[in-house]
Amino acid sequence: GTIPCPGTPGAPDCATTGHCGQDAQYGFDAMYEWDVAWTVESNNGDEFRVSHAGQQWTQCAAGLSGPACTDGSPITLTMYEAEPYCADLTWDGHTGWRLPTEDELHTIVDFGRTGPALDPAMFPNAPTGFPDVYERWWVDCIWSRTDYVRDPDVAWVLMVNSGDILEGSGTTYHLNDKAANGWEGCYVLCVQQGEQVQQVERFIRLE
């Protein structure tokens, strides 16, 4: 279902309307359809996605390929395996890939979806075992390269099914340690910064 945003941003009564004027009512995702926020490019057959901020993303998680990401099987890696995987990757003729930061990962979440919380037109066949295996809701994750400040051996991850950014996961909760000691690790999407396509202002000054 959907939850309607209260009030009208910019209207005189917004200041007296509870919860009116939140970020989501002003953000890029509220002003444009998803397929306008993203473009699809391909030079050598493997498509990649370009966000409105100019970031280029591999459309398929590690282990998958093809136009619909149906060739192969998704693989989970430790953080120490994930970083060289992206660094050594050639995708659609492009090199220079890397793991995304937690903030970059959050920009690809489609908050209108769950299980997975990624738009299938942009990231087809996103790796998840949910809902076939219900417990996968708490397990399926994608690595970021951002350290957890309380423990440099732990990294933040994107939970595929909910879109949450967390420092820990699992049906039996554990911190997402980079070595994935005692758990299976996370999936991998790689990113690189391309040309800045559009500058989006988060805040504007009202005179």
N, C-alpha and C. Protein backbone atom coordinates (compact mmCIF):
# COMPACT_ATOMS: atom_id res chain seq x y z
N GLY A 1 0.82 -1.19 0.00
CA GLY A 1 0.00 0.00 0.00
C GLY A 1 0.85 1.24 0.00
N THR A 2 0.21 2.38 -0.02
CA THR A 2 0.91 3.65 -0.01
C THR A 2 0.43 4.50 1.15
N ILE A 3 1.30 5.39 1.60
CA ILE A 3 0.96 6.35 2.65
C ILE A 3 1.05 7.73 2.03
N PRO A 4 -0.06 8.45 1.89
CA PRO A 4 -0.01 9.76 1.25
C PRO A 4 0.76 10.75 2.10
N CYS A 5 1.53 11.62 1.43
CA CYS A 5 2.26 12.66 2.15
C CYS A 5 1.28 13.74 2.59
N PRO A 6 1.40 14.24 3.82
CA PRO A 6 0.44 15.23 4.32
C PRO A 6 0.73 16.63 3.80
N GLY A 7 -0.31 17.34 3.49
CA GLY A 7 -0.17 18.75 3.13
C GLY A 7 0.49 18.95 1.78
N THR A 8 0.69 20.22 1.44
CA THR A 8 1.33 20.60 0.19
C THR A 8 2.58 21.42 0.49
N PRO A 9 3.78 20.90 0.16
CA PRO A 9 5.01 21.65 0.42
C PRO A 9 4.96 23.02 -0.24
N GLY A 10 5.34 24.04 0.51
CA GLY A 10 5.36 25.40 -0.02
C GLY A 10 4.07 26.17 0.23
N ALA A 11 3.00 25.46 0.55
CA ALA A 11 1.73 26.12 0.83
C ALA A 11 1.78 26.77 2.21
N PRO A 12 1.04 27.86 2.41
CA PRO A 12 1.09 28.56 3.71
C PRO A 12 0.75 27.67 4.91
N ASP A 13 -0.17 26.71 4.71
CA ASP A 13 -0.57 25.89 5.85
C ASP A 13 0.34 24.69 6.10
N CYS A 14 1.40 24.54 5.27
CA CYS A 14 2.31 23.41 5.46
C CYS A 14 2.98 23.48 6.84
N ALA A 15 3.31 24.69 7.26
CA ALA A 15 4.01 24.86 8.54
C ALA A 15 3.16 24.42 9.73
N THR A 16 1.84 24.40 9.54
CA THR A 16 0.96 24.01 10.65
C THR A 16 0.34 22.63 10.42
N THR A 17 0.77 21.95 9.37
CA THR A 17 0.29 20.60 9.07
C THR A 17 1.32 19.59 9.52
N GLY A 18 0.92 18.69 10.39
CA GLY A 18 1.86 17.73 10.94
C GLY A 18 2.57 16.92 9.87
N HIS A 19 3.90 16.86 9.96
CA HIS A 19 4.77 16.06 9.08
C HIS A 19 4.80 16.56 7.63
N CYS A 20 4.26 17.75 7.37
CA CYS A 20 4.34 18.30 6.01
C CYS A 20 5.73 18.88 5.77
N GLY A 21 6.21 18.77 4.53
CA GLY A 21 7.49 19.37 4.16
C GLY A 21 8.69 18.49 4.42
N GLN A 22 8.48 17.18 4.53
CA GLN A 22 9.60 16.28 4.73
C GLN A 22 10.44 16.16 3.46
N ASP A 23 11.66 15.63 3.63
CA ASP A 23 12.59 15.52 2.50
C ASP A 23 11.97 14.83 1.29
N ALA A 24 11.22 13.75 1.56
CA ALA A 24 10.69 12.97 0.45
C ALA A 24 9.74 13.77 -0.44
N GLN A 25 9.12 14.81 0.13
CA GLN A 25 8.20 15.62 -0.66
C GLN A 25 8.94 16.61 -1.56
N TYR A 26 10.21 16.80 -1.31
CA TYR A 26 11.00 17.72 -2.12
C TYR A 26 12.05 17.00 -2.97
N GLY A 27 12.28 15.72 -2.68
CA GLY A 27 13.41 15.02 -3.28
C GLY A 27 13.19 14.65 -4.73
N PHE A 28 14.27 14.21 -5.36
CA PHE A 28 14.25 13.81 -6.77
C PHE A 28 13.24 12.69 -7.00
N ASP A 29 13.17 11.76 -6.05
CA ASP A 29 12.28 10.62 -6.23
C ASP A 29 10.81 11.03 -6.22
N ALA A 30 10.49 12.17 -5.61
CA ALA A 30 9.12 12.64 -5.58
C ALA A 30 8.76 13.42 -6.84
N MET A 31 9.76 13.94 -7.55
CA MET A 31 9.50 14.81 -8.69
C MET A 31 9.55 14.08 -10.02
N TYR A 32 10.21 12.92 -10.08
CA TYR A 32 10.41 12.23 -11.34
C TYR A 32 10.07 10.76 -11.21
N GLU A 33 9.65 10.19 -12.31
CA GLU A 33 9.45 8.74 -12.35
C GLU A 33 10.81 8.05 -12.31
N TRP A 34 10.82 6.79 -11.89
CA TRP A 34 12.07 6.04 -11.72
C TRP A 34 12.85 5.94 -13.03
N ASP A 35 12.13 5.77 -14.15
CA ASP A 35 12.84 5.60 -15.41
C ASP A 35 13.38 6.91 -15.96
N VAL A 36 13.04 8.04 -15.32
CA VAL A 36 13.65 9.32 -15.67
C VAL A 36 14.89 9.55 -14.81
N ALA A 37 14.85 9.04 -13.59
CA ALA A 37 15.99 9.17 -12.69
C ALA A 37 17.17 8.33 -13.14
N TRP A 38 16.91 7.32 -13.99
CA TRP A 38 17.96 6.41 -14.46
C TRP A 38 17.99 6.36 -15.97
N THR A 39 19.15 6.14 -16.54
CA THR A 39 19.27 5.82 -17.96
C THR A 39 20.03 4.51 -18.09
N VAL A 40 19.79 3.82 -19.18
CA VAL A 40 20.42 2.54 -19.45
C VAL A 40 21.39 2.71 -20.61
N GLU A 41 22.63 2.28 -20.42
CA GLU A 41 23.63 2.39 -21.48
C GLU A 41 24.31 1.05 -21.69
N SER A 42 24.78 0.83 -22.91
CA SER A 42 25.50 -0.39 -23.24
C SER A 42 26.40 -0.13 -24.43
N ASN A 43 27.64 -0.56 -24.32
CA ASN A 43 28.59 -0.45 -25.43
C ASN A 43 28.95 -1.81 -26.00
N ASN A 44 29.04 -2.81 -25.14
CA ASN A 44 29.49 -4.13 -25.57
C ASN A 44 28.56 -5.25 -25.13
N GLY A 45 27.30 -4.92 -24.90
CA GLY A 45 26.33 -5.97 -24.60
C GLY A 45 25.95 -6.11 -23.15
N ASP A 46 26.82 -5.74 -22.22
CA ASP A 46 26.48 -5.78 -20.80
C ASP A 46 26.01 -4.40 -20.39
N GLU A 47 24.74 -4.27 -20.08
CA GLU A 47 24.19 -2.96 -19.75
C GLU A 47 24.68 -2.47 -18.40
N PHE A 48 24.75 -1.14 -18.28
CA PHE A 48 24.95 -0.54 -16.97
C PHE A 48 23.99 0.60 -16.80
N ARG A 49 23.74 0.97 -15.56
CA ARG A 49 22.75 1.98 -15.22
C ARG A 49 23.45 3.26 -14.81
N VAL A 50 22.95 4.40 -15.26
CA VAL A 50 23.50 5.69 -14.90
C VAL A 50 22.45 6.46 -14.12
N SER A 51 22.78 6.82 -12.89
CA SER A 51 21.83 7.54 -12.05
C SER A 51 21.83 9.02 -12.40
N HIS A 52 20.86 9.75 -11.87
CA HIS A 52 20.78 11.19 -12.13
C HIS A 52 21.99 11.93 -11.58
N ALA A 53 22.72 11.30 -10.64
CA ALA A 53 23.93 11.92 -10.09
C ALA A 53 25.17 11.56 -10.90
N GLY A 54 25.00 10.77 -11.95
CA GLY A 54 26.12 10.42 -12.82
C GLY A 54 26.86 9.16 -12.44
N GLN A 55 26.38 8.44 -11.41
CA GLN A 55 27.04 7.20 -11.03
C GLN A 55 26.65 6.08 -11.99
N GLN A 56 27.63 5.29 -12.37
CA GLN A 56 27.40 4.15 -13.25
C GLN A 56 27.41 2.88 -12.40
N TRP A 57 26.37 2.07 -12.55
CA TRP A 57 26.21 0.85 -11.77
C TRP A 57 26.14 -0.36 -12.69
N THR A 58 26.79 -1.44 -12.30
CA THR A 58 26.56 -2.70 -13.01
C THR A 58 25.12 -3.11 -12.73
N GLN A 59 24.43 -3.55 -13.76
CA GLN A 59 23.02 -3.91 -13.55
C GLN A 59 22.88 -5.23 -12.83
N CYS A 60 23.91 -6.10 -12.92
CA CYS A 60 23.83 -7.44 -12.35
C CYS A 60 24.75 -7.57 -11.14
N ALA A 61 24.31 -8.33 -10.18
CA ALA A 61 25.16 -8.65 -9.04
C ALA A 61 26.24 -9.63 -9.47
N ALA A 62 27.29 -9.71 -8.68
CA ALA A 62 28.40 -10.61 -8.98
C ALA A 62 27.88 -12.03 -9.20
N GLY A 63 28.39 -12.66 -10.27
CA GLY A 63 27.98 -14.01 -10.62
C GLY A 63 26.90 -14.07 -11.67
N LEU A 64 26.21 -12.94 -11.92
CA LEU A 64 25.15 -12.88 -12.91
C LEU A 64 25.57 -12.05 -14.11
N SER A 65 24.98 -12.32 -15.26
CA SER A 65 25.24 -11.53 -16.46
C SER A 65 24.05 -11.70 -17.40
N GLY A 66 24.14 -11.05 -18.56
CA GLY A 66 23.06 -11.14 -19.54
C GLY A 66 22.09 -9.99 -19.41
N PRO A 67 21.27 -9.76 -20.44
CA PRO A 67 20.35 -8.61 -20.45
C PRO A 67 19.38 -8.58 -19.27
N ALA A 68 18.97 -9.75 -18.79
CA ALA A 68 18.05 -9.81 -17.67
C ALA A 68 18.71 -10.37 -16.41
N CYS A 69 20.04 -10.44 -16.43
CA CYS A 69 20.81 -10.96 -15.28
C CYS A 69 20.37 -12.38 -14.91
N THR A 70 20.08 -13.19 -15.93
CA THR A 70 19.63 -14.56 -15.68
C THR A 70 20.71 -15.59 -16.01
N ASP A 71 21.84 -15.14 -16.54
CA ASP A 71 22.93 -16.06 -16.83
C ASP A 71 23.81 -16.19 -15.58
N GLY A 72 24.06 -17.43 -15.16
CA GLY A 72 24.88 -17.65 -13.98
C GLY A 72 24.05 -17.66 -12.71
N SER A 73 24.72 -17.58 -11.59
CA SER A 73 24.07 -17.57 -10.27
C SER A 73 24.72 -16.50 -9.41
N PRO A 74 23.94 -15.79 -8.61
CA PRO A 74 24.54 -14.77 -7.74
C PRO A 74 25.44 -15.42 -6.70
N ILE A 75 26.53 -14.75 -6.39
CA ILE A 75 27.47 -15.29 -5.40
C ILE A 75 27.60 -14.32 -4.23
N THR A 76 27.82 -14.88 -3.06
CA THR A 76 28.12 -14.07 -1.89
C THR A 76 29.62 -14.13 -1.62
N LEU A 77 30.16 -13.00 -1.20
CA LEU A 77 31.59 -12.88 -0.98
C LEU A 77 31.85 -12.25 0.37
N THR A 78 33.06 -12.42 0.86
CA THR A 78 33.49 -11.61 1.99
C THR A 78 33.80 -10.21 1.48
N MET A 79 33.92 -9.26 2.38
CA MET A 79 34.31 -7.91 1.99
C MET A 79 35.69 -7.91 1.33
N TYR A 80 36.57 -8.75 1.84
CA TYR A 80 37.94 -8.82 1.31
C TYR A 80 37.97 -9.43 -0.09
N GLU A 81 36.97 -10.22 -0.43
CA GLU A 81 36.84 -10.75 -1.79
C GLU A 81 36.09 -9.77 -2.69
N ALA A 82 35.14 -9.04 -2.11
CA ALA A 82 34.29 -8.13 -2.88
C ALA A 82 35.07 -6.95 -3.45
N GLU A 83 35.98 -6.40 -2.65
CA GLU A 83 36.75 -5.23 -3.11
C GLU A 83 37.59 -5.55 -4.34
N PRO A 84 38.39 -6.63 -4.35
CA PRO A 84 39.15 -6.93 -5.56
C PRO A 84 38.26 -7.39 -6.72
N TYR A 85 37.10 -7.99 -6.40
CA TYR A 85 36.18 -8.36 -7.48
C TYR A 85 35.82 -7.14 -8.30
N CYS A 86 35.40 -6.05 -7.64
CA CYS A 86 35.03 -4.83 -8.36
C CYS A 86 36.25 -4.20 -9.03
N ALA A 87 37.37 -4.16 -8.32
CA ALA A 87 38.57 -3.52 -8.85
C ALA A 87 39.06 -4.21 -10.12
N ASP A 88 38.87 -5.53 -10.23
CA ASP A 88 39.35 -6.29 -11.38
C ASP A 88 38.29 -6.46 -12.47
N LEU A 89 37.08 -5.95 -12.22
CA LEU A 89 35.96 -6.20 -13.12
C LEU A 89 36.07 -5.39 -14.41
N THR A 90 35.78 -6.03 -15.53
CA THR A 90 35.54 -5.35 -16.79
C THR A 90 34.09 -5.60 -17.16
N TRP A 91 33.28 -4.55 -17.17
CA TRP A 91 31.85 -4.68 -17.44
C TRP A 91 31.49 -3.75 -18.59
N ASP A 92 30.96 -4.32 -19.64
CA ASP A 92 30.60 -3.56 -20.85
C ASP A 92 31.80 -2.78 -21.38
N GLY A 93 32.98 -3.37 -21.24
CA GLY A 93 34.20 -2.72 -21.72
C GLY A 93 34.77 -1.70 -20.77
N HIS A 94 34.12 -1.47 -19.64
CA HIS A 94 34.57 -0.47 -18.68
C HIS A 94 35.34 -1.13 -17.54
N THR A 95 36.41 -0.49 -17.10
CA THR A 95 37.13 -0.87 -15.89
C THR A 95 37.01 0.28 -14.89
N GLY A 96 37.67 0.15 -13.76
CA GLY A 96 37.62 1.23 -12.76
C GLY A 96 36.44 1.13 -11.82
N TRP A 97 35.86 -0.07 -11.66
CA TRP A 97 34.73 -0.26 -10.76
C TRP A 97 35.22 -0.38 -9.31
N ARG A 98 34.34 -0.14 -8.39
CA ARG A 98 34.65 -0.23 -6.96
C ARG A 98 33.38 -0.54 -6.20
N LEU A 99 33.55 -0.89 -4.92
CA LEU A 99 32.39 -1.06 -4.06
C LEU A 99 31.78 0.31 -3.75
N PRO A 100 30.46 0.40 -3.66
CA PRO A 100 29.82 1.67 -3.32
C PRO A 100 29.93 1.99 -1.84
N THR A 101 29.77 3.27 -1.51
CA THR A 101 29.64 3.67 -0.11
C THR A 101 28.22 3.37 0.35
N GLU A 102 27.99 3.47 1.65
CA GLU A 102 26.63 3.24 2.15
C GLU A 102 25.66 4.28 1.59
N ASP A 103 26.11 5.54 1.46
CA ASP A 103 25.24 6.58 0.92
C ASP A 103 24.90 6.30 -0.54
N GLU A 104 25.88 5.84 -1.31
CA GLU A 104 25.62 5.51 -2.71
C GLU A 104 24.63 4.36 -2.82
N LEU A 105 24.79 3.35 -1.98
CA LEU A 105 23.85 2.23 -2.00
C LEU A 105 22.43 2.69 -1.70
N HIS A 106 22.30 3.63 -0.79
CA HIS A 106 20.96 4.08 -0.42
C HIS A 106 20.26 4.78 -1.58
N THR A 107 21.03 5.33 -2.52
CA THR A 107 20.42 6.05 -3.64
C THR A 107 19.75 5.12 -4.64
N ILE A 108 20.06 3.81 -4.61
CA ILE A 108 19.46 2.90 -5.58
C ILE A 108 18.23 2.20 -5.03
N VAL A 109 17.89 2.46 -3.77
CA VAL A 109 16.73 1.81 -3.16
C VAL A 109 15.45 2.41 -3.74
N ASP A 110 14.51 1.55 -4.08
CA ASP A 110 13.16 1.97 -4.46
C ASP A 110 12.28 1.76 -3.24
N PHE A 111 11.96 2.86 -2.54
CA PHE A 111 11.23 2.74 -1.28
C PHE A 111 9.75 2.41 -1.49
N GLY A 112 9.34 2.25 -2.74
CA GLY A 112 7.99 1.79 -3.01
C GLY A 112 7.89 0.28 -3.15
N ARG A 113 9.01 -0.43 -2.91
CA ARG A 113 9.05 -1.87 -3.10
C ARG A 113 9.73 -2.55 -1.91
N THR A 114 9.41 -3.81 -1.74
CA THR A 114 10.16 -4.66 -0.82
C THR A 114 10.34 -6.02 -1.49
N GLY A 115 11.36 -6.75 -1.00
CA GLY A 115 11.60 -8.12 -1.43
C GLY A 115 11.72 -8.38 -2.92
N PRO A 116 12.62 -7.73 -3.67
CA PRO A 116 13.66 -6.80 -3.22
C PRO A 116 13.21 -5.34 -3.30
N ALA A 117 13.95 -4.49 -2.60
CA ALA A 117 13.67 -3.05 -2.62
C ALA A 117 14.50 -2.37 -3.71
N LEU A 118 14.60 -3.01 -4.85
CA LEU A 118 15.30 -2.49 -6.02
C LEU A 118 14.36 -2.62 -7.21
N ASP A 119 14.30 -1.59 -8.04
CA ASP A 119 13.40 -1.62 -9.18
C ASP A 119 13.86 -2.68 -10.18
N PRO A 120 13.00 -3.63 -10.53
CA PRO A 120 13.42 -4.72 -11.42
C PRO A 120 13.74 -4.26 -12.84
N ALA A 121 13.23 -3.09 -13.25
CA ALA A 121 13.58 -2.58 -14.57
C ALA A 121 15.01 -2.08 -14.61
N MET A 122 15.53 -1.62 -13.46
CA MET A 122 16.89 -1.11 -13.39
C MET A 122 17.87 -2.18 -12.93
N PHE A 123 17.46 -3.01 -11.99
CA PHE A 123 18.32 -4.07 -11.45
C PHE A 123 17.56 -5.39 -11.52
N PRO A 124 17.45 -5.97 -12.73
CA PRO A 124 16.66 -7.19 -12.88
C PRO A 124 17.27 -8.38 -12.13
N ASN A 125 16.38 -9.24 -11.68
CA ASN A 125 16.80 -10.47 -11.00
C ASN A 125 17.73 -10.17 -9.82
N ALA A 126 17.39 -9.12 -9.06
CA ALA A 126 18.20 -8.78 -7.88
C ALA A 126 18.27 -9.99 -6.96
N PRO A 127 19.45 -10.28 -6.43
CA PRO A 127 19.63 -11.54 -5.69
C PRO A 127 18.89 -11.56 -4.37
N THR A 128 17.92 -12.42 -4.25
CA THR A 128 17.18 -12.60 -3.01
C THR A 128 16.48 -13.95 -3.03
N GLY A 129 16.41 -14.59 -1.89
CA GLY A 129 15.67 -15.83 -1.77
C GLY A 129 14.29 -15.63 -1.19
N PHE A 130 13.98 -14.39 -0.80
CA PHE A 130 12.66 -14.06 -0.25
C PHE A 130 11.70 -13.83 -1.41
N PRO A 131 10.44 -14.26 -1.37
CA PRO A 131 9.74 -14.85 -0.21
C PRO A 131 9.76 -16.38 -0.17
N ASP A 132 10.43 -17.02 -1.14
CA ASP A 132 10.45 -18.49 -1.14
C ASP A 132 11.01 -19.03 0.16
N VAL A 133 12.06 -18.38 0.64
CA VAL A 133 12.61 -18.72 1.96
C VAL A 133 12.44 -17.47 2.82
N TYR A 134 11.46 -17.49 3.69
CA TYR A 134 11.07 -16.28 4.41
C TYR A 134 12.22 -15.68 5.21
N GLU A 135 13.08 -16.53 5.76
CA GLU A 135 14.18 -16.05 6.60
C GLU A 135 15.20 -15.22 5.81
N ARG A 136 15.17 -15.33 4.46
CA ARG A 136 16.12 -14.56 3.66
C ARG A 136 15.90 -13.06 3.83
N TRP A 137 14.76 -12.65 4.31
CA TRP A 137 14.49 -11.23 4.56
C TRP A 137 15.59 -10.61 5.40
N TRP A 138 16.09 -11.35 6.39
CA TRP A 138 17.09 -10.84 7.32
C TRP A 138 18.52 -11.20 6.91
N VAL A 139 18.68 -11.90 5.77
CA VAL A 139 19.99 -12.44 5.40
C VAL A 139 20.57 -11.76 4.16
N ASP A 140 19.75 -11.57 3.12
CA ASP A 140 20.25 -11.07 1.84
C ASP A 140 20.75 -9.63 1.97
N CYS A 141 22.01 -9.41 1.61
CA CYS A 141 22.63 -8.09 1.80
C CYS A 141 23.59 -7.80 0.66
N ILE A 142 23.92 -6.52 0.48
CA ILE A 142 24.89 -6.06 -0.50
C ILE A 142 25.94 -5.23 0.23
N TRP A 143 27.21 -5.52 -0.01
CA TRP A 143 28.29 -4.84 0.69
C TRP A 143 28.39 -3.35 0.30
N SER A 144 28.69 -2.53 1.28
CA SER A 144 29.23 -1.20 1.03
C SER A 144 30.69 -1.21 1.46
N ARG A 145 31.43 -0.17 1.09
CA ARG A 145 32.83 -0.09 1.52
C ARG A 145 32.99 0.83 2.73
N THR A 146 31.86 1.20 3.35
CA THR A 146 31.89 2.12 4.48
C THR A 146 32.07 1.36 5.78
N ASP A 147 33.09 1.73 6.54
CA ASP A 147 33.36 1.09 7.83
C ASP A 147 32.29 1.45 8.85
N TYR A 148 32.00 0.51 9.72
CA TYR A 148 31.19 0.76 10.91
C TYR A 148 32.10 1.43 11.93
N VAL A 149 31.75 2.63 12.37
CA VAL A 149 32.69 3.45 13.13
C VAL A 149 33.12 2.79 14.44
N ARG A 150 32.28 1.96 15.02
CA ARG A 150 32.63 1.31 16.28
C ARG A 150 33.58 0.13 16.11
N ASP A 151 33.71 -0.34 14.87
CA ASP A 151 34.57 -1.51 14.63
C ASP A 151 35.02 -1.47 13.18
N PRO A 152 36.28 -1.14 12.89
CA PRO A 152 36.75 -1.04 11.51
C PRO A 152 36.78 -2.38 10.77
N ASP A 153 36.57 -3.49 11.48
CA ASP A 153 36.49 -4.79 10.82
C ASP A 153 35.07 -5.14 10.39
N VAL A 154 34.14 -4.18 10.57
CA VAL A 154 32.73 -4.36 10.21
C VAL A 154 32.35 -3.30 9.18
N ALA A 155 31.51 -3.65 8.22
CA ALA A 155 31.07 -2.70 7.19
C ALA A 155 29.54 -2.61 7.18
N TRP A 156 29.04 -1.46 6.75
CA TRP A 156 27.60 -1.29 6.55
C TRP A 156 27.17 -2.03 5.28
N VAL A 157 25.95 -2.54 5.29
CA VAL A 157 25.42 -3.25 4.13
C VAL A 157 24.01 -2.76 3.82
N LEU A 158 23.59 -2.97 2.58
CA LEU A 158 22.22 -2.71 2.18
C LEU A 158 21.45 -4.02 2.27
N MET A 159 20.37 -4.03 3.01
CA MET A 159 19.51 -5.21 3.08
C MET A 159 18.62 -5.22 1.85
N VAL A 160 18.78 -6.24 1.04
CA VAL A 160 18.14 -6.28 -0.28
C VAL A 160 16.62 -6.17 -0.18
N ASN A 161 16.03 -6.82 0.78
CA ASN A 161 14.58 -6.94 0.80
C ASN A 161 13.86 -5.76 1.44
N SER A 162 14.49 -5.11 2.40
CA SER A 162 13.84 -3.98 3.07
C SER A 162 14.36 -2.63 2.62
N GLY A 163 15.59 -2.58 2.06
CA GLY A 163 16.20 -1.31 1.69
C GLY A 163 16.92 -0.64 2.84
N ASP A 164 16.96 -1.29 4.02
CA ASP A 164 17.65 -0.72 5.18
C ASP A 164 19.16 -0.81 5.01
N ILE A 165 19.87 0.16 5.58
CA ILE A 165 21.32 0.11 5.71
C ILE A 165 21.63 -0.29 7.15
N LEU A 166 22.31 -1.42 7.33
CA LEU A 166 22.52 -1.96 8.67
C LEU A 166 23.98 -2.36 8.87
N GLU A 167 24.38 -2.40 10.14
CA GLU A 167 25.72 -2.87 10.48
C GLU A 167 25.73 -4.35 10.82
N GLY A 168 24.54 -4.94 10.95
CA GLY A 168 24.43 -6.35 11.28
C GLY A 168 23.21 -6.95 10.63
N SER A 169 23.17 -8.27 10.52
CA SER A 169 22.05 -8.94 9.85
C SER A 169 22.00 -10.38 10.31
N GLY A 170 21.15 -11.16 9.66
CA GLY A 170 21.08 -12.59 9.95
C GLY A 170 19.89 -12.96 10.80
N THR A 171 19.39 -14.20 10.62
CA THR A 171 18.30 -14.68 11.48
C THR A 171 18.78 -14.79 12.92
N THR A 172 20.03 -15.19 13.10
CA THR A 172 20.71 -15.02 14.38
C THR A 172 21.62 -13.82 14.20
N TYR A 173 21.29 -12.72 14.83
CA TYR A 173 21.95 -11.44 14.55
C TYR A 173 23.46 -11.54 14.75
N HIS A 174 24.19 -10.94 13.80
CA HIS A 174 25.64 -10.84 13.91
C HIS A 174 26.06 -9.53 13.25
N LEU A 175 27.18 -8.98 13.67
CA LEU A 175 27.75 -7.85 12.98
C LEU A 175 28.27 -8.31 11.62
N ASN A 176 28.20 -7.44 10.64
CA ASN A 176 28.66 -7.78 9.29
C ASN A 176 30.17 -7.60 9.20
N ASP A 177 30.90 -8.52 9.85
CA ASP A 177 32.36 -8.42 9.81
C ASP A 177 32.84 -8.71 8.39
N LYS A 178 33.89 -8.02 8.00
CA LYS A 178 34.37 -8.06 6.61
C LYS A 178 34.85 -9.44 6.19
N ALA A 179 35.30 -10.23 7.15
CA ALA A 179 35.78 -11.57 6.83
C ALA A 179 34.65 -12.59 6.77
N ALA A 180 33.43 -12.17 7.11
CA ALA A 180 32.25 -13.06 7.10
C ALA A 180 32.52 -14.35 7.87
N ASN A 181 33.02 -14.19 9.09
CA ASN A 181 33.32 -15.36 9.92
C ASN A 181 32.03 -15.98 10.43
N GLY A 182 31.75 -17.20 9.99
CA GLY A 182 30.58 -17.92 10.47
C GLY A 182 29.28 -17.58 9.77
N TRP A 183 29.32 -16.77 8.74
CA TRP A 183 28.12 -16.48 7.96
C TRP A 183 28.51 -16.38 6.49
N GLU A 184 27.55 -16.26 5.59
CA GLU A 184 27.82 -16.46 4.17
C GLU A 184 28.35 -15.25 3.43
N GLY A 185 28.34 -14.07 4.03
CA GLY A 185 28.77 -12.88 3.32
C GLY A 185 27.63 -12.23 2.56
N CYS A 186 27.95 -11.23 1.73
CA CYS A 186 26.93 -10.45 1.04
C CYS A 186 27.13 -10.51 -0.47
N TYR A 187 26.10 -10.10 -1.19
CA TYR A 187 26.18 -9.95 -2.63
C TYR A 187 26.95 -8.68 -2.97
N VAL A 188 27.26 -8.50 -4.26
CA VAL A 188 28.10 -7.37 -4.67
C VAL A 188 27.52 -6.70 -5.90
N LEU A 189 27.35 -5.39 -5.83
CA LEU A 189 27.12 -4.52 -6.98
C LEU A 189 28.29 -3.55 -7.03
N CYS A 190 28.75 -3.21 -8.23
CA CYS A 190 29.89 -2.32 -8.37
C CYS A 190 29.45 -1.00 -9.00
N VAL A 191 30.19 0.06 -8.70
CA VAL A 191 29.83 1.40 -9.13
C VAL A 191 31.09 2.13 -9.57
N GLN A 192 30.91 3.15 -10.40
CA GLN A 192 31.97 4.11 -10.67
C GLN A 192 31.30 5.45 -10.95
N GLN A 193 32.02 6.51 -10.74
CA GLN A 193 31.47 7.84 -10.95
C GLN A 193 31.73 8.27 -12.37
N GLY A 194 30.68 8.45 -13.15
CA GLY A 194 30.81 8.95 -14.50
C GLY A 194 30.66 10.45 -14.54
N GLU A 195 30.24 10.95 -15.67
CA GLU A 195 30.03 12.39 -15.82
C GLU A 195 28.84 12.82 -14.98
N GLN A 196 28.96 13.95 -14.31
CA GLN A 196 27.87 14.48 -13.51
C GLN A 196 26.74 14.88 -14.46
N VAL A 197 25.64 14.15 -14.39
CA VAL A 197 24.55 14.38 -15.32
C VAL A 197 23.70 15.57 -14.92
N GLN A 198 23.36 15.65 -13.66
CA GLN A 198 22.48 16.71 -13.19
C GLN A 198 22.76 16.99 -11.73
N GLN A 199 22.80 18.24 -11.38
CA GLN A 199 22.98 18.63 -9.99
C GLN A 199 21.61 18.80 -9.36
N VAL A 200 21.33 18.04 -8.33
CA VAL A 200 20.04 18.11 -7.66
C VAL A 200 20.21 18.82 -6.33
N GLU A 201 19.46 19.88 -6.11
CA GLU A 201 19.55 20.63 -4.87
C GLU A 201 18.65 20.01 -3.84
N ARG A 202 19.22 19.70 -2.68
CA ARG A 202 18.40 19.16 -1.61
C ARG A 202 17.70 20.27 -0.85
N PHE A 203 18.38 21.39 -0.68
CA PHE A 203 17.79 22.51 0.06
C PHE A 203 17.75 23.73 -0.85
N ILE A 204 16.71 24.54 -0.71
CA ILE A 204 16.64 25.82 -1.41
C ILE A 204 16.38 26.91 -0.40
N ARG A 205 16.83 28.09 -0.70
CA ARG A 205 16.68 29.21 0.22
C ARG A 205 15.42 29.99 -0.14
N LEU A 206 14.54 30.15 0.81
CA LEU A 206 13.31 30.91 0.60
C LEU A 206 13.50 32.30 1.18
N GLU A 207 13.37 33.31 0.37
CA GLU A 207 13.52 34.69 0.81
C GLU A 207 12.20 35.21 1.39
